[in-house]
Amino acid sequence: MIDIKVQRSRTTLDLLLWRQHGIVGMAMLEETLELNPGVADLGAELPIGTSVQLPDLPAPAPVQVTKVIDLFGED
């Protein structure tokens, strides 16, 4: 987990997730809300000085290798 303190006005949870991880997603937002009880009551824009815990990125999904078949016999 990453602890962040809001330092600018107009900061939202989505913006914090974007700045930290480069992604925004409903699952990440829900996990952030679970880690920070009561933060949703503060409104969409977080007050300056608010401490927020952000979740770590989920582990990447394993890569599956698929063999491509060429119908014309070329490699």
N, C-alpha and C. Protein backbone atom coordinates (compact mmCIF):
# COMPACT_ATOMS: atom_id res chain seq x y z
N MET A 1 0.83 -1.18 0.00
CA MET A 1 0.00 0.00 0.00
C MET A 1 0.87 1.25 0.00
N ILE A 2 0.32 2.28 -0.56
CA ILE A 2 1.04 3.55 -0.67
C ILE A 2 0.24 4.61 0.07
N ASP A 3 0.88 5.33 0.97
CA ASP A 3 0.23 6.42 1.69
C ASP A 3 0.50 7.74 0.98
N ILE A 4 -0.57 8.48 0.71
CA ILE A 4 -0.46 9.76 0.02
C ILE A 4 -1.25 10.80 0.80
N LYS A 5 -0.72 12.01 0.87
CA LYS A 5 -1.42 13.12 1.49
C LYS A 5 -1.79 14.11 0.38
N VAL A 6 -3.07 14.47 0.31
CA VAL A 6 -3.55 15.38 -0.73
C VAL A 6 -2.93 16.76 -0.50
N GLN A 7 -2.31 17.30 -1.57
CA GLN A 7 -1.62 18.59 -1.45
C GLN A 7 -2.18 19.64 -2.39
N ARG A 8 -3.10 19.29 -3.26
CA ARG A 8 -3.66 20.24 -4.23
C ARG A 8 -5.18 20.19 -4.19
N SER A 9 -5.78 21.30 -4.52
CA SER A 9 -7.24 21.32 -4.63
C SER A 9 -7.66 20.56 -5.88
N ARG A 10 -8.92 20.20 -5.93
CA ARG A 10 -9.52 19.46 -7.06
C ARG A 10 -8.91 18.08 -7.25
N THR A 11 -8.41 17.47 -6.20
CA THR A 11 -7.85 16.12 -6.28
C THR A 11 -8.94 15.11 -5.97
N THR A 12 -9.06 14.11 -6.84
CA THR A 12 -10.03 13.03 -6.65
C THR A 12 -9.28 11.71 -6.49
N LEU A 13 -10.01 10.68 -6.05
CA LEU A 13 -9.38 9.36 -5.93
C LEU A 13 -8.95 8.85 -7.30
N ASP A 14 -9.77 9.07 -8.32
CA ASP A 14 -9.39 8.65 -9.67
C ASP A 14 -8.08 9.30 -10.11
N LEU A 15 -7.94 10.58 -9.81
CA LEU A 15 -6.71 11.30 -10.18
C LEU A 15 -5.50 10.74 -9.44
N LEU A 16 -5.66 10.45 -8.16
CA LEU A 16 -4.56 9.87 -7.39
C LEU A 16 -4.15 8.51 -7.96
N LEU A 17 -5.14 7.68 -8.31
CA LEU A 17 -4.83 6.37 -8.89
C LEU A 17 -4.14 6.53 -10.24
N TRP A 18 -4.59 7.50 -11.03
CA TRP A 18 -3.97 7.73 -12.34
C TRP A 18 -2.53 8.18 -12.18
N ARG A 19 -2.30 9.11 -11.26
CA ARG A 19 -0.94 9.63 -11.07
C ARG A 19 0.01 8.56 -10.53
N GLN A 20 -0.48 7.69 -9.66
CA GLN A 20 0.38 6.70 -9.03
C GLN A 20 0.61 5.48 -9.93
N HIS A 21 -0.48 4.99 -10.54
CA HIS A 21 -0.39 3.72 -11.27
C HIS A 21 -0.57 3.86 -12.78
N GLY A 22 -1.07 5.00 -13.24
CA GLY A 22 -1.30 5.16 -14.66
C GLY A 22 -2.55 4.49 -15.16
N ILE A 23 -3.38 4.02 -14.24
CA ILE A 23 -4.63 3.38 -14.62
C ILE A 23 -5.74 3.83 -13.70
N VAL A 24 -6.95 3.74 -14.21
CA VAL A 24 -8.13 3.97 -13.39
C VAL A 24 -9.08 2.85 -13.73
N GLY A 25 -9.63 2.25 -12.72
CA GLY A 25 -10.58 1.18 -12.95
C GLY A 25 -11.50 1.04 -11.76
N MET A 26 -12.66 0.51 -12.01
CA MET A 26 -13.64 0.37 -10.94
C MET A 26 -13.12 -0.51 -9.81
N ALA A 27 -12.39 -1.58 -10.15
CA ALA A 27 -11.87 -2.47 -9.11
C ALA A 27 -10.86 -1.74 -8.23
N MET A 28 -9.97 -0.94 -8.84
CA MET A 28 -8.97 -0.18 -8.07
C MET A 28 -9.66 0.86 -7.20
N LEU A 29 -10.68 1.51 -7.73
CA LEU A 29 -11.41 2.53 -6.98
C LEU A 29 -12.14 1.90 -5.80
N GLU A 30 -12.78 0.77 -6.02
CA GLU A 30 -13.48 0.07 -4.93
C GLU A 30 -12.51 -0.36 -3.84
N GLU A 31 -11.36 -0.87 -4.24
CA GLU A 31 -10.35 -1.30 -3.26
C GLU A 31 -9.83 -0.11 -2.46
N THR A 32 -9.66 1.04 -3.13
CA THR A 32 -9.22 2.25 -2.45
C THR A 32 -10.26 2.71 -1.44
N LEU A 33 -11.53 2.64 -1.80
CA LEU A 33 -12.59 3.03 -0.88
C LEU A 33 -12.65 2.09 0.33
N GLU A 34 -12.39 0.80 0.11
CA GLU A 34 -12.36 -0.16 1.22
C GLU A 34 -11.19 0.12 2.17
N LEU A 35 -10.06 0.54 1.61
CA LEU A 35 -8.88 0.83 2.44
C LEU A 35 -9.04 2.12 3.24
N ASN A 36 -9.94 3.01 2.80
CA ASN A 36 -10.10 4.32 3.41
C ASN A 36 -11.55 4.56 3.82
N PRO A 37 -11.99 3.93 4.92
CA PRO A 37 -13.37 4.12 5.34
C PRO A 37 -13.64 5.60 5.64
N GLY A 38 -14.77 6.09 5.15
CA GLY A 38 -15.15 7.47 5.40
C GLY A 38 -14.67 8.46 4.37
N VAL A 39 -13.77 8.06 3.48
CA VAL A 39 -13.25 9.01 2.50
C VAL A 39 -14.34 9.37 1.48
N ALA A 40 -15.29 8.49 1.22
CA ALA A 40 -16.37 8.80 0.29
C ALA A 40 -17.27 9.90 0.84
N ASP A 41 -17.34 10.01 2.16
CA ASP A 41 -18.17 11.05 2.79
C ASP A 41 -17.57 12.45 2.62
N LEU A 42 -16.31 12.52 2.21
CA LEU A 42 -15.65 13.82 2.04
C LEU A 42 -16.03 14.51 0.74
N GLY A 43 -16.64 13.78 -0.17
CA GLY A 43 -17.04 14.35 -1.45
C GLY A 43 -16.12 13.87 -2.56
N ALA A 44 -16.44 14.29 -3.79
CA ALA A 44 -15.65 13.86 -4.94
C ALA A 44 -14.24 14.44 -4.91
N GLU A 45 -14.14 15.71 -4.54
CA GLU A 45 -12.82 16.35 -4.44
C GLU A 45 -12.36 16.29 -2.99
N LEU A 46 -11.20 15.70 -2.78
CA LEU A 46 -10.69 15.49 -1.43
C LEU A 46 -10.11 16.79 -0.86
N PRO A 47 -10.38 17.06 0.41
CA PRO A 47 -9.80 18.26 1.03
C PRO A 47 -8.28 18.15 1.13
N ILE A 48 -7.61 19.29 1.03
CA ILE A 48 -6.15 19.33 1.17
C ILE A 48 -5.79 18.83 2.57
N GLY A 49 -4.76 17.98 2.64
CA GLY A 49 -4.32 17.42 3.91
C GLY A 49 -4.89 16.04 4.21
N THR A 50 -5.83 15.56 3.39
CA THR A 50 -6.42 14.25 3.59
C THR A 50 -5.40 13.16 3.28
N SER A 51 -5.25 12.21 4.19
CA SER A 51 -4.36 11.07 3.95
C SER A 51 -5.15 9.94 3.31
N VAL A 52 -4.58 9.37 2.27
CA VAL A 52 -5.25 8.30 1.52
C VAL A 52 -4.26 7.16 1.31
N GLN A 53 -4.74 5.94 1.51
CA GLN A 53 -3.94 4.76 1.20
C GLN A 53 -4.39 4.22 -0.15
N LEU A 54 -3.44 4.04 -1.06
CA LEU A 54 -3.73 3.48 -2.37
C LEU A 54 -3.27 2.03 -2.41
N PRO A 55 -4.05 1.17 -3.04
CA PRO A 55 -3.64 -0.24 -3.14
C PRO A 55 -2.49 -0.40 -4.12
N ASP A 56 -1.76 -1.49 -3.96
CA ASP A 56 -0.71 -1.83 -4.93
C ASP A 56 -1.37 -2.32 -6.21
N LEU A 57 -0.63 -2.26 -7.29
CA LEU A 57 -1.13 -2.78 -8.55
C LEU A 57 -1.34 -4.29 -8.44
N PRO A 58 -2.39 -4.81 -9.06
CA PRO A 58 -2.56 -6.26 -9.06
C PRO A 58 -1.46 -6.93 -9.88
N ALA A 59 -1.19 -8.16 -9.55
CA ALA A 59 -0.17 -8.91 -10.30
C ALA A 59 -0.63 -9.08 -11.74
N PRO A 60 0.29 -8.96 -12.70
CA PRO A 60 -0.11 -9.12 -14.10
C PRO A 60 -0.57 -10.55 -14.39
N ALA A 61 -1.51 -10.65 -15.27
CA ALA A 61 -2.02 -11.97 -15.66
C ALA A 61 -0.93 -12.71 -16.44
N PRO A 62 -0.87 -14.02 -16.27
CA PRO A 62 0.14 -14.78 -17.01
C PRO A 62 -0.12 -14.69 -18.52
N VAL A 63 0.96 -14.64 -19.26
CA VAL A 63 0.87 -14.53 -20.71
C VAL A 63 0.72 -15.91 -21.31
N GLN A 64 -0.24 -16.05 -22.22
CA GLN A 64 -0.43 -17.32 -22.91
C GLN A 64 0.12 -17.19 -24.33
N VAL A 65 0.93 -18.14 -24.73
CA VAL A 65 1.50 -18.14 -26.07
C VAL A 65 0.59 -18.97 -26.96
N THR A 66 0.21 -18.39 -28.08
CA THR A 66 -0.66 -19.09 -29.02
C THR A 66 0.09 -19.28 -30.33
N LYS A 67 0.11 -20.51 -30.82
CA LYS A 67 0.78 -20.79 -32.08
C LYS A 67 -0.12 -20.32 -33.21
N VAL A 68 0.46 -19.55 -34.12
CA VAL A 68 -0.28 -19.04 -35.27
C VAL A 68 -0.08 -19.99 -36.44
N ILE A 69 -1.16 -20.35 -37.05
CA ILE A 69 -1.11 -21.24 -38.20
C ILE A 69 -1.25 -20.39 -39.46
N ASP A 70 -0.30 -20.58 -40.36
CA ASP A 70 -0.32 -19.85 -41.63
C ASP A 70 -0.99 -20.72 -42.67
N LEU A 71 -2.09 -20.27 -43.22
CA LEU A 71 -2.84 -21.05 -44.20
C LEU A 71 -2.11 -21.21 -45.53
N PHE A 72 -1.14 -20.36 -45.78
CA PHE A 72 -0.47 -20.39 -47.07
C PHE A 72 0.91 -21.05 -46.99
N GLY A 73 1.27 -21.63 -45.86
CA GLY A 73 2.51 -22.37 -45.72
C GLY A 73 3.75 -21.52 -45.58
N GLU A 74 3.61 -20.23 -45.37
CA GLU A 74 4.78 -19.36 -45.19
C GLU A 74 5.09 -19.26 -43.70
N ASP A 75 6.38 -19.12 -43.39
CA ASP A 75 6.78 -19.01 -41.99
C ASP A 75 6.92 -17.58 -41.58
